[in-house]
Amino acid sequence: MGRGHRLTLRAAFLAASIVLLLWPLLGIRPWRLETSWVDRLGRAVGWAWIVVMAAAGAVNWLV
């Protein structure tokens, strides 16, 4: 892996960590959950993004 690749993985890990830490703040009222497919798809994409970035960060940390 090149230096740029490691920097990209570190930045991705940092971004995922920030989102993961700040996401619960969005659950505080007055926000309301919508029962539409768009909201559910957005949540699924968000969780998938966090899992992928956390895995990339873990791989970067292990290497």
PDB file of N, CA and C in Angstrom:
ATOM      1  N   MET A   1       0.837  -1.179   0.000  1.00  0.00           N
ATOM      2  CA  MET A   1       0.000   0.000   0.000  1.00  0.00           C
ATOM      3  C   MET A   1       0.879   1.238   0.000  1.00  0.00           C
ATOM      4  N   GLY A   2       0.471   2.210  -0.770  1.00  0.00           N
ATOM      5  CA  GLY A   2       1.213   3.453  -0.842  1.00  0.00           C
ATOM      6  C   GLY A   2       0.853   4.401   0.284  1.00  0.00           C
ATOM      7  N   ARG A   3       1.621   5.449   0.380  1.00  0.00           N
ATOM      8  CA  ARG A   3       1.400   6.429   1.439  1.00  0.00           C
ATOM      9  C   ARG A   3       0.036   7.116   1.292  1.00  0.00           C
ATOM     10  N   GLY A   4      -0.330   7.448   0.067  1.00  0.00           N
ATOM     11  CA  GLY A   4      -1.618   8.102  -0.175  1.00  0.00           C
ATOM     12  C   GLY A   4      -2.794   7.220   0.212  1.00  0.00           C
ATOM     13  N   HIS A   5      -2.634   5.920  -0.016  1.00  0.00           N
ATOM     14  CA  HIS A   5      -3.704   4.982   0.326  1.00  0.00           C
ATOM     15  C   HIS A   5      -3.907   4.932   1.841  1.00  0.00           C
ATOM     16  N   ARG A   6      -2.811   4.919   2.589  1.00  0.00           N
ATOM     17  CA  ARG A   6      -2.915   4.904   4.048  1.00  0.00           C
ATOM     18  C   ARG A   6      -3.564   6.186   4.565  1.00  0.00           C
ATOM     19  N   LEU A   7      -3.197   7.316   3.960  1.00  0.00           N
ATOM     20  CA  LEU A   7      -3.773   8.591   4.365  1.00  0.00           C
ATOM     21  C   LEU A   7      -5.275   8.600   4.093  1.00  0.00           C
ATOM     22  N   THR A   8      -5.676   8.050   2.966  1.00  0.00           N
ATOM     23  CA  THR A   8      -7.099   7.982   2.624  1.00  0.00           C
ATOM     24  C   THR A   8      -7.849   7.103   3.623  1.00  0.00           C
ATOM     25  N   LEU A   9      -7.269   5.967   3.992  1.00  0.00           N
ATOM     26  CA  LEU A   9      -7.919   5.091   4.958  1.00  0.00           C
ATOM     27  C   LEU A   9      -8.019   5.749   6.325  1.00  0.00           C
ATOM     28  N   ARG A  10      -6.993   6.483   6.714  1.00  0.00           N
ATOM     29  CA  ARG A  10      -7.043   7.174   8.005  1.00  0.00           C
ATOM     30  C   ARG A  10      -8.113   8.260   7.998  1.00  0.00           C
ATOM     31  N   ALA A  11      -8.205   8.991   6.906  1.00  0.00           N
ATOM     32  CA  ALA A  11      -9.226  10.033   6.802  1.00  0.00           C
ATOM     33  C   ALA A  11     -10.621   9.411   6.814  1.00  0.00           C
ATOM     34  N   ALA A  12     -10.791   8.287   6.133  1.00  0.00           N
ATOM     35  CA  ALA A  12     -12.080   7.600   6.117  1.00  0.00           C
ATOM     36  C   ALA A  12     -12.441   7.099   7.507  1.00  0.00           C
ATOM     37  N   PHE A  13     -11.465   6.564   8.228  1.00  0.00           N
ATOM     38  CA  PHE A  13     -11.713   6.092   9.585  1.00  0.00           C
ATOM     39  C   PHE A  13     -12.107   7.253  10.496  1.00  0.00           C
ATOM     40  N   LEU A  14     -11.425   8.379  10.354  1.00  0.00           N
ATOM     41  CA  LEU A  14     -11.748   9.558  11.156  1.00  0.00           C
ATOM     42  C   LEU A  14     -13.172  10.043  10.855  1.00  0.00           C
ATOM     43  N   ALA A  15     -13.520  10.104   9.589  1.00  0.00           N
ATOM     44  CA  ALA A  15     -14.861  10.557   9.200  1.00  0.00           C
ATOM     45  C   ALA A  15     -15.927   9.604   9.740  1.00  0.00           C
ATOM     46  N   ALA A  16     -15.694   8.302   9.631  1.00  0.00           N
ATOM     47  CA  ALA A  16     -16.660   7.324  10.137  1.00  0.00           C
ATOM     48  C   ALA A  16     -16.798   7.441  11.649  1.00  0.00           C
ATOM     49  N   SER A  17     -15.691   7.676  12.336  1.00  0.00           N
ATOM     50  CA  SER A  17     -15.737   7.823  13.792  1.00  0.00           C
ATOM     51  C   SER A  17     -16.546   9.049  14.197  1.00  0.00           C
ATOM     52  N   ILE A  18     -16.346  10.147  13.494  1.00  0.00           N
ATOM     53  CA  ILE A  18     -17.081  11.369  13.804  1.00  0.00           C
ATOM     54  C   ILE A  18     -18.581  11.172  13.578  1.00  0.00           C
ATOM     55  N   VAL A  19     -18.922  10.560  12.460  1.00  0.00           N
ATOM     56  CA  VAL A  19     -20.341  10.321  12.164  1.00  0.00           C
ATOM     57  C   VAL A  19     -20.954   9.395  13.212  1.00  0.00           C
ATOM     58  N   LEU A  20     -20.218   8.349  13.574  1.00  0.00           N
ATOM     59  CA  LEU A  20     -20.729   7.401  14.554  1.00  0.00           C
ATOM     60  C   LEU A  20     -20.943   8.058  15.908  1.00  0.00           C
ATOM     61  N   LEU A  21     -20.066   8.972  16.279  1.00  0.00           N
ATOM     62  CA  LEU A  21     -20.210   9.647  17.561  1.00  0.00           C
ATOM     63  C   LEU A  21     -21.312  10.706  17.550  1.00  0.00           C
ATOM     64  N   LEU A  22     -21.513  11.357  16.421  1.00  0.00           N
ATOM     65  CA  LEU A  22     -22.497  12.434  16.349  1.00  0.00           C
ATOM     66  C   LEU A  22     -23.903  11.970  15.952  1.00  0.00           C
ATOM     67  N   TRP A  23     -24.004  10.778  15.389  1.00  0.00           N
ATOM     68  CA  TRP A  23     -25.288  10.293  14.908  1.00  0.00           C
ATOM     69  C   TRP A  23     -26.351  10.251  16.015  1.00  0.00           C
ATOM     70  N   PRO A  24     -26.027   9.803  17.229  1.00  0.00           N
ATOM     71  CA  PRO A  24     -27.067   9.790  18.277  1.00  0.00           C
ATOM     72  C   PRO A  24     -27.661  11.172  18.571  1.00  0.00           C
ATOM     73  N   LEU A  25     -26.904  12.222  18.323  1.00  0.00           N
ATOM     74  CA  LEU A  25     -27.448  13.558  18.550  1.00  0.00           C
ATOM     75  C   LEU A  25     -28.627  13.854  17.629  1.00  0.00           C
ATOM     76  N   LEU A  26     -28.640  13.218  16.473  1.00  0.00           N
ATOM     77  CA  LEU A  26     -29.750  13.428  15.551  1.00  0.00           C
ATOM     78  C   LEU A  26     -31.035  12.771  16.048  1.00  0.00           C
ATOM     79  N   GLY A  27     -30.900  11.828  16.975  1.00  0.00           N
ATOM     80  CA  GLY A  27     -32.070  11.149  17.513  1.00  0.00           C
ATOM     81  C   GLY A  27     -32.766  11.921  18.619  1.00  0.00           C
ATOM     82  N   ILE A  28     -32.145  12.996  19.095  1.00  0.00           N
ATOM     83  CA  ILE A  28     -32.749  13.801  20.151  1.00  0.00           C
ATOM     84  C   ILE A  28     -33.889  14.629  19.559  1.00  0.00           C
ATOM     85  N   ARG A  29     -34.952  14.752  20.300  1.00  0.00           N
ATOM     86  CA  ARG A  29     -36.101  15.526  19.821  1.00  0.00           C
ATOM     87  C   ARG A  29     -35.699  16.923  19.429  1.00  0.00           C
ATOM     88  N   PRO A  30     -36.316  17.548  18.525  1.00  0.00           N
ATOM     89  CA  PRO A  30     -37.632  17.369  17.935  1.00  0.00           C
ATOM     90  C   PRO A  30     -37.635  16.516  16.657  1.00  0.00           C
ATOM     91  N   TRP A  31     -36.564  15.837  16.335  1.00  0.00           N
ATOM     92  CA  TRP A  31     -36.544  15.015  15.127  1.00  0.00           C
ATOM     93  C   TRP A  31     -37.528  13.869  15.263  1.00  0.00           C
ATOM     94  N   ARG A  32     -38.213  13.577  14.193  1.00  0.00           N
ATOM     95  CA  ARG A  32     -39.176  12.480  14.172  1.00  0.00           C
ATOM     96  C   ARG A  32     -38.787  11.499  13.070  1.00  0.00           C
ATOM     97  N   LEU A  33     -39.026  10.222  13.335  1.00  0.00           N
ATOM     98  CA  LEU A  33     -38.768   9.199  12.328  1.00  0.00           C
ATOM     99  C   LEU A  33     -39.887   9.211  11.294  1.00  0.00           C
ATOM    100  N   GLU A  34     -39.510   9.102  10.057  1.00  0.00           N
ATOM    101  CA  GLU A  34     -40.504   8.967   8.998  1.00  0.00           C
ATOM    102  C   GLU A  34     -40.636   7.490   8.662  1.00  0.00           C
ATOM    103  N   THR A  35     -41.783   7.102   8.214  1.00  0.00           N
ATOM    104  CA  THR A  35     -42.010   5.696   7.874  1.00  0.00           C
ATOM    105  C   THR A  35     -41.997   5.493   6.365  1.00  0.00           C
ATOM    106  N   SER A  36     -41.167   6.238   5.679  1.00  0.00           N
ATOM    107  CA  SER A  36     -41.112   6.089   4.230  1.00  0.00           C
ATOM    108  C   SER A  36     -39.927   5.213   3.833  1.00  0.00           C
ATOM    109  N   TRP A  37     -39.969   4.709   2.629  1.00  0.00           N
ATOM    110  CA  TRP A  37     -38.887   3.853   2.151  1.00  0.00           C
ATOM    111  C   TRP A  37     -37.601   4.651   1.970  1.00  0.00           C
ATOM    112  N   VAL A  38     -37.708   5.947   1.701  1.00  0.00           N
ATOM    113  CA  VAL A  38     -36.525   6.784   1.523  1.00  0.00           C
ATOM    114  C   VAL A  38     -35.761   6.895   2.844  1.00  0.00           C
ATOM    115  N   ASP A  39     -36.469   7.089   3.935  1.00  0.00           N
ATOM    116  CA  ASP A  39     -35.833   7.182   5.246  1.00  0.00           C
ATOM    117  C   ASP A  39     -35.156   5.864   5.613  1.00  0.00           C
ATOM    118  N   ARG A  40     -35.838   4.780   5.385  1.00  0.00           N
ATOM    119  CA  ARG A  40     -35.267   3.467   5.715  1.00  0.00           C
ATOM    120  C   ARG A  40     -34.068   3.142   4.841  1.00  0.00           C
ATOM    121  N   LEU A  41     -34.133   3.479   3.577  1.00  0.00           N
ATOM    122  CA  LEU A  41     -32.990   3.259   2.688  1.00  0.00           C
ATOM    123  C   LEU A  41     -31.805   4.119   3.110  1.00  0.00           C
ATOM    124  N   GLY A  42     -32.074   5.357   3.491  1.00  0.00           N
ATOM    125  CA  GLY A  42     -31.007   6.235   3.960  1.00  0.00           C
ATOM    126  C   GLY A  42     -30.341   5.714   5.214  1.00  0.00           C
ATOM    127  N   ARG A  43     -31.120   5.170   6.122  1.00  0.00           N
ATOM    128  CA  ARG A  43     -30.550   4.580   7.336  1.00  0.00           C
ATOM    129  C   ARG A  43     -29.699   3.363   6.999  1.00  0.00           C
ATOM    130  N   ALA A  44     -30.178   2.531   6.098  1.00  0.00           N
ATOM    131  CA  ALA A  44     -29.417   1.339   5.705  1.00  0.00           C
ATOM    132  C   ALA A  44     -28.096   1.732   5.042  1.00  0.00           C
ATOM    133  N   VAL A  45     -28.144   2.717   4.170  1.00  0.00           N
ATOM    134  CA  VAL A  45     -26.916   3.181   3.515  1.00  0.00           C
ATOM    135  C   VAL A  45     -25.965   3.786   4.539  1.00  0.00           C
ATOM    136  N   GLY A  46     -26.488   4.536   5.473  1.00  0.00           N
ATOM    137  CA  GLY A  46     -25.648   5.127   6.511  1.00  0.00           C
ATOM    138  C   GLY A  46     -24.959   4.086   7.369  1.00  0.00           C
ATOM    139  N   TRP A  47     -25.697   3.075   7.800  1.00  0.00           N
ATOM    140  CA  TRP A  47     -25.092   2.008   8.600  1.00  0.00           C
ATOM    141  C   TRP A  47     -24.072   1.233   7.784  1.00  0.00           C
ATOM    142  N   ALA A  48     -24.384   0.960   6.508  1.00  0.00           N
ATOM    143  CA  ALA A  48     -23.426   0.248   5.658  1.00  0.00           C
ATOM    144  C   ALA A  48     -22.146   1.060   5.499  1.00  0.00           C
ATOM    145  N   TRP A  49     -22.282   2.374   5.340  1.00  0.00           N
ATOM    146  CA  TRP A  49     -21.117   3.244   5.204  1.00  0.00           C
ATOM    147  C   TRP A  49     -20.257   3.198   6.462  1.00  0.00           C
ATOM    148  N   ILE A  50     -20.880   3.237   7.605  1.00  0.00           N
ATOM    149  CA  ILE A  50     -20.145   3.188   8.868  1.00  0.00           C
ATOM    150  C   ILE A  50     -19.424   1.852   9.016  1.00  0.00           C
ATOM    151  N   VAL A  51     -20.094   0.756   8.683  1.00  0.00           N
ATOM    152  CA  VAL A  51     -19.463  -0.564   8.804  1.00  0.00           C
ATOM    153  C   VAL A  51     -18.268  -0.685   7.862  1.00  0.00           C
ATOM    154  N   VAL A  52     -18.424  -0.236   6.624  1.00  0.00           N
ATOM    155  CA  VAL A  52     -17.324  -0.325   5.657  1.00  0.00           C
ATOM    156  C   VAL A  52     -16.149   0.538   6.090  1.00  0.00           C
ATOM    157  N   MET A  53     -16.408   1.753   6.544  1.00  0.00           N
ATOM    158  CA  MET A  53     -15.315   2.635   6.968  1.00  0.00           C
ATOM    159  C   MET A  53     -14.639   2.127   8.240  1.00  0.00           C
ATOM    160  N   ALA A  54     -15.407   1.562   9.155  1.00  0.00           N
ATOM    161  CA  ALA A  54     -14.810   0.988  10.368  1.00  0.00           C
ATOM    162  C   ALA A  54     -13.945  -0.215  10.011  1.00  0.00           C
ATOM    163  N   ALA A  55     -14.403  -1.032   9.073  1.00  0.00           N
ATOM    164  CA  ALA A  55     -13.608  -2.183   8.639  1.00  0.00           C
ATOM    165  C   ALA A  55     -12.332  -1.725   7.946  1.00  0.00           C
ATOM    166  N   ALA A  56     -12.432  -0.699   7.128  1.00  0.00           N
ATOM    167  CA  ALA A  56     -11.239  -0.173   6.452  1.00  0.00           C
ATOM    168  C   ALA A  56     -10.257   0.396   7.471  1.00  0.00           C
ATOM    169  N   GLY A  57     -10.767   1.063   8.485  1.00  0.00           N
ATOM    170  CA  GLY A  57      -9.906   1.591   9.531  1.00  0.00           C
ATOM    171  C   GLY A  57      -9.248   0.475  10.328  1.00  0.00           C
ATOM    172  N   ALA A  58      -9.989  -0.587  10.604  1.00  0.00           N
ATOM    173  CA  ALA A  58      -9.431  -1.717  11.338  1.00  0.00           C
ATOM    174  C   ALA A  58      -8.335  -2.392  10.524  1.00  0.00           C
ATOM    175  N   VAL A  59      -8.557  -2.556   9.229  1.00  0.00           N
ATOM    176  CA  VAL A  59      -7.530  -3.138   8.362  1.00  0.00           C
ATOM    177  C   VAL A  59      -6.294  -2.244   8.341  1.00  0.00           C
ATOM    178  N   ASN A  60      -6.497  -0.941   8.260  1.00  0.00           N
ATOM    179  CA  ASN A  60      -5.383  -0.005   8.260  1.00  0.00           C
ATOM    180  C   ASN A  60      -4.609  -0.077   9.581  1.00  0.00           C
ATOM    181  N   TRP A  61      -5.335  -0.236  10.673  1.00  0.00           N
ATOM    182  CA  TRP A  61      -4.695  -0.306  11.989  1.00  0.00           C
ATOM    183  C   TRP A  61      -3.911  -1.602  12.146  1.00  0.00           C
ATOM    184  N   LEU A  62      -4.446  -2.704  11.588  1.00  0.00           N
ATOM    185  CA  LEU A  62      -3.787  -4.000  11.712  1.00  0.00           C
ATOM    186  C   LEU A  62      -2.556  -4.130  10.823  1.00  0.00           C
ATOM    187  N   VAL A  63      -2.508  -3.380   9.753  1.00  0.00           N
ATOM    188  CA  VAL A  63      -1.367  -3.486   8.818  1.00  0.00           C
ATOM    189  C   VAL A  63      -0.210  -2.711   9.271  1.00  0.00           C
TER     190      VAL A  63
END
